[in-house]
Amino acid sequence: MPRVDIGGLELEYAEFCASGRASAAPVLIMIRGLGTQMTEWSPVLLDGLVDAGFRVVVFDNRDAGLSDAVEADYTLDDMANDVIGLQDALGIARASLFGISLGGMVAQLVACHWPERVQCLFSVMSTSGDPGLPQAAPEVRARLMRAAAGREAIIALSAESRAVFGSPAYPESPAARAAAATAAYDRAYRPAGVARQISAVLADGSRAARLARIRVPTLVIHGADDPLIPVAAGEHTAQLIPGARLEIVPGMGHNLPDALASRIVELVRGFVAAHPDPLP
């Protein structure tokens, strides 16, 4: 997969678009969550978005996957700046942003600081960061910090966590979870990057005041049964962003199972169609 230099930092990325349509297709940049990799986007979801007419860009966040490590402390604003650097490097003037979990926080900050670069914002299974919001159960939060030693134990722990964080109405099979955990580990296992990303989230604190300044069309998508970031966080995010629409998905947890891919595609397609880019 190609890499792009965004000013001394290289990001691994990939693009997907129907043949011959890249120049005219609306761009959708998809931003992953804590420590996860661009290869973890479901092919069913990506194919559906391409079929819906999008030029889809995915990438590994800094400190994740095959993108560069950043051993000094950094902020979510730095990660938002990475998205703008990616747009600049690929010649993308404006794009819709689809960010999940930590990626939703990053997308929120891009929309806040660079509204002229964002057509639509999709904040998915994310949060405003308000400290008064309901939190995940302690045993669920503890999973973010659990560690294991050795390849097989690390893969087993990851597969188990995928079951805990997943969607109760759309469970993945044990074989699918194990395959996904194995592929992610073998491509890139970077616990130091996860720790630095957690530090960036904690340092960012509440984004309530910043979310209130967002003026781009926004759709907040959240699972009704999210065990890691409770649905109240999505509700609060939508309340803060002027004009935001909230879509609560029954049975959805803290993942995007293939069984929900068609619904997500239709939500994205319909929302972007309703808010066309005003620029030529």
Foldseek 3Di string as FASTA:
>chain_A
DDWFDLDPWIKAKDKDAPPPQQVPFAEEEEAEAQQFFQVPPDPLLVVLLRVLRYTYMYIGFELHFPIHHDLDFDALQVSLVVVVSVCVRVVQQAHAYAYAASGLVSQLNNLLPPVRRYQEYEREQYFQQAPPDDFFDPVLVVLLVDDDDDDVVQLVSQLVNCQVQWFQVFGDDSVVSSVSSNVRVVRDDGVSSSVSSVVNSVVVHGNLVSQLNRDHAYEYEYECAARGRHCVRSVSSQVRHPPYHYHYHYRGYRDQDSVCSNVVSVVVSVSCVVRDDPDD
